[in-house]
């Protein structure tokens, strides 16, 4: 199947990945309805699907938190790590305004501003991981350790295991490698 034309967000993501120097593979998989579907479509385990969450520390002060798909932010540990007493998640319009990406497509690569990144400690040890690709139904597969280094991410245990029963019931949709040259793979959406 021919590759779809890149959206501006996808182009920004790809260009930022290329500039980072890390190996990556762009995967076009179409819409998914759950974490399990996303993992199958991306060819990784659910724990290797990374959610890129935008967190607000204060006025015009945001950061990205990389969270494995089967986990959730442990807010007390994240606040302690950052030395703050209050954090919040912006609404979808604010998240789009500060990153240039819609929810479900957010990635630290190509964001309108280079916000700091906190990566859960499991990310660097996960091997291949899948992050948002800047467009709906598009992701980028990269090595977790390379991802952490390329983003100069602060690594810490900032997540808890999500409800294990939620992973396969359709409620856990994530919010939106082998070579040094980028590859694009399109998956048959009817599969």
Protein backbone atom coordinates (compact mmCIF):
# COMPACT_ATOMS: atom_id res chain seq x y z
CA UNK A 1 0.00 0.00 0.00
CA UNK A 2 1.49 3.43 -0.86
CA UNK A 3 2.54 5.66 2.02
CA UNK A 4 0.05 8.35 2.93
CA UNK A 5 1.09 11.95 2.55
CA UNK A 6 2.65 13.37 5.70
CA UNK A 7 0.74 15.89 7.76
CA UNK A 8 2.69 18.92 9.03
CA UNK A 9 2.89 17.29 12.49
CA UNK A 10 4.20 14.04 11.04
CA UNK A 11 6.80 15.96 9.03
CA UNK A 12 7.98 17.88 12.13
CA UNK A 13 8.25 14.60 14.04
CA UNK A 14 10.20 12.84 11.28
CA UNK A 15 12.55 15.78 10.79
CA UNK A 16 13.21 16.00 14.55
CA UNK A 17 13.86 12.26 14.70
CA UNK A 18 16.28 12.54 11.77
CA UNK A 19 18.06 15.45 13.46
CA UNK A 20 18.39 13.44 16.70
CA UNK A 21 20.58 10.87 14.97
CA UNK A 22 18.79 7.88 16.51
CA UNK A 23 17.49 4.95 14.48
CA UNK A 24 13.72 4.95 14.03
CA UNK A 25 10.93 3.41 12.03
CA UNK A 26 7.70 5.24 11.19
CA UNK A 27 4.67 2.93 11.46
CA UNK A 28 1.34 3.89 9.88
CA UNK A 29 -1.32 1.75 11.52
CA UNK A 30 -4.58 3.67 11.38
CA UNK A 31 -7.06 4.12 14.23
CA UNK A 32 -6.87 1.90 17.31
CA UNK A 33 -9.41 1.54 20.10
CA UNK A 34 -7.34 0.12 22.96
CA UNK A 35 -3.83 -0.30 24.28
CA UNK A 36 -3.86 -3.93 23.16
CA UNK A 37 -4.83 -2.89 19.59
CA UNK A 38 -2.17 -0.19 19.54
CA UNK A 39 0.49 -2.65 20.68
CA UNK A 40 -0.50 -5.23 18.05
CA UNK A 41 -0.61 -2.61 15.29
CA UNK A 42 2.80 -1.25 16.27
CA UNK A 43 4.40 -4.68 16.75
CA UNK A 44 5.39 -4.13 20.39
CA UNK A 45 4.18 -5.20 23.84
CA UNK A 46 1.66 -2.94 25.62
CA UNK A 47 4.39 -1.82 28.03
CA UNK A 48 6.43 -0.64 25.02
CA UNK A 49 3.70 1.72 23.76
CA UNK A 50 4.66 5.04 25.32
CA UNK A 51 2.14 7.70 26.23
CA UNK A 52 3.62 11.20 25.94
CA UNK A 53 1.72 13.20 28.54
CA UNK A 54 1.87 16.98 28.79
CA UNK A 55 2.07 18.14 32.40
CA UNK A 56 1.73 21.73 33.58
CA UNK A 57 3.99 22.98 36.40
CA UNK A 58 2.94 26.62 36.26
CA UNK A 59 2.14 29.50 33.92
CA UNK A 60 3.75 28.72 30.55
CA UNK A 61 5.78 25.94 32.21
CA UNK A 62 5.16 22.44 30.87
CA UNK A 63 7.02 19.17 30.54
CA UNK A 64 6.56 15.83 28.81
CA UNK A 65 6.27 12.64 30.83
CA UNK A 66 6.91 9.37 28.98
CA UNK A 67 4.72 6.66 30.50
CA UNK A 68 4.63 2.98 29.47
CA UNK A 69 1.19 2.09 28.10
CA UNK A 70 0.34 -0.28 30.94
CA UNK A 71 1.23 2.28 33.61
CA UNK A 72 -0.08 5.57 34.97
CA UNK A 73 1.66 8.60 36.49
CA UNK A 74 2.36 8.29 40.21
CA UNK A 75 1.59 11.93 40.97
CA UNK A 76 3.17 12.09 44.45
CA UNK A 77 6.48 10.69 43.12
CA UNK A 78 6.46 13.01 40.10
CA UNK A 79 5.76 16.05 42.31
CA UNK A 80 8.59 15.01 44.67
CA UNK A 81 10.99 14.53 41.74
CA UNK A 82 10.17 17.98 40.39
CA UNK A 83 10.13 19.63 43.81
CA UNK A 84 6.65 21.05 43.39
CA UNK A 85 3.45 20.70 45.39
CA UNK A 86 1.07 21.00 42.44
CA UNK A 87 0.92 19.66 38.87
CA UNK A 88 -1.93 19.44 36.41
CA UNK A 89 -2.72 18.22 32.93
CA UNK A 90 -3.82 20.91 30.49
CA UNK A 91 -6.97 20.53 28.42
CA UNK A 92 -6.60 19.38 24.83
CA UNK A 93 -6.58 22.91 23.37
CA UNK A 94 -3.78 24.08 25.66
CA UNK A 95 -1.82 20.87 25.02
CA UNK A 96 -2.13 21.52 21.27
CA UNK A 97 -1.11 25.17 21.67
CA UNK A 98 2.05 24.36 23.66
CA UNK A 99 3.18 21.36 21.59
CA UNK A 100 1.70 21.82 18.12
CA UNK A 101 0.16 18.35 18.36
CA UNK A 102 -3.39 17.13 18.98
CA UNK A 103 -4.01 14.66 21.79
CA UNK A 104 -3.29 11.17 20.56
CA UNK A 105 -0.44 12.42 18.35
CA UNK A 106 1.80 14.13 20.92
CA UNK A 107 5.52 13.40 20.91
CA UNK A 108 8.50 15.30 22.29
CA UNK A 109 10.04 15.17 18.81
CA UNK A 110 9.18 18.30 16.84
CA UNK A 111 7.19 19.98 19.58
CA UNK A 112 6.76 23.72 19.07
CA UNK A 113 8.92 24.20 22.19
CA UNK A 114 11.52 21.83 23.56
CA UNK A 115 9.91 21.19 26.94
CA UNK A 116 11.86 19.14 29.49
CA UNK A 117 11.22 15.39 29.44
CA UNK A 118 10.81 12.98 32.34
CA UNK A 119 10.95 9.31 31.33
CA UNK A 120 9.75 6.57 33.61
CA UNK A 121 12.70 4.36 34.57
CA UNK A 122 11.27 1.44 32.59
CA UNK A 123 11.56 3.30 29.26
CA UNK A 124 15.35 3.03 28.94
CA UNK A 125 15.22 -0.71 29.73
CA UNK A 126 12.31 -1.57 27.42
CA UNK A 127 14.24 -2.14 24.18
CA UNK A 128 12.12 -0.96 21.27
CA UNK A 129 9.39 1.50 22.25
CA UNK A 130 6.69 3.20 20.23
CA UNK A 131 5.99 6.93 20.60
CA UNK A 132 3.52 9.23 18.90
CA UNK A 133 4.38 10.08 15.33
CA UNK A 134 2.77 13.52 15.11
CA UNK A 135 -0.38 12.32 13.35
CA UNK A 136 -3.35 10.08 14.12
CA UNK A 137 -2.58 6.43 13.40
CA UNK A 138 1.15 7.10 13.07
CA UNK A 139 3.91 6.16 15.50
CA UNK A 140 7.68 5.97 15.63
CA UNK A 141 9.52 2.93 16.93
CA UNK A 142 12.87 3.72 18.58
CA UNK A 143 15.18 2.13 21.13
CA UNK A 144 14.15 3.24 24.64
CA UNK A 145 17.71 3.92 25.81
CA UNK A 146 18.46 5.97 22.68
CA UNK A 147 15.19 7.86 23.14
CA UNK A 148 16.10 8.83 26.70
CA UNK A 149 19.57 10.02 25.62
CA UNK A 150 18.33 11.92 22.55
CA UNK A 151 15.76 13.81 24.63
CA UNK A 152 18.15 14.35 27.56
CA UNK A 153 15.31 12.97 29.66
CA UNK A 154 15.37 12.87 33.41
CA UNK A 155 14.84 9.20 34.32
CA UNK A 156 12.96 8.20 37.48
CA UNK A 157 10.37 5.77 38.77
CA UNK A 158 7.31 8.00 38.31
CA UNK A 159 4.60 5.48 37.40
CA UNK A 160 2.44 2.78 38.92
CA UNK A 161 0.99 -0.27 37.20
CA UNK A 162 -2.36 0.64 35.64
CA UNK A 163 -5.46 -1.42 36.33
CA UNK A 164 -4.39 -4.78 34.86
CA UNK A 165 -7.98 -5.55 33.81
CA UNK A 166 -8.22 -2.32 31.80
CA UNK A 167 -5.52 -3.23 29.28
CA UNK A 168 -7.77 -5.34 27.06
CA UNK A 169 -11.25 -3.90 27.59
CA UNK A 170 -11.03 -0.99 25.17
CA UNK A 171 -10.75 1.70 27.86
CA UNK A 172 -6.97 2.09 27.70
CA UNK A 173 -6.38 3.77 24.35
CA UNK A 174 -3.02 5.52 24.51
CA UNK A 175 -3.31 9.30 24.15
CA UNK A 176 -2.09 9.68 21.31
CA UNK A 177 15.04 0.97 14.77
CA UNK A 178 16.96 -1.36 13.12
CA UNK A 179 18.72 1.01 10.74
CA UNK A 180 19.95 4.56 10.86
CA UNK A 181 17.81 5.48 7.85
CA UNK A 182 14.13 6.08 8.51
CA UNK A 183 11.68 3.52 7.22
CA UNK A 184 7.95 3.86 6.71
CA UNK A 185 5.70 0.86 7.15
CA UNK A 186 2.00 0.92 6.39
CA UNK A 187 -0.16 -1.75 7.95
CA UNK A 188 -3.31 -3.05 6.34
CA UNK A 189 -6.09 -1.41 8.35
CA UNK A 190 -8.47 -4.27 7.58
CA UNK A 191 -6.34 -6.75 9.56
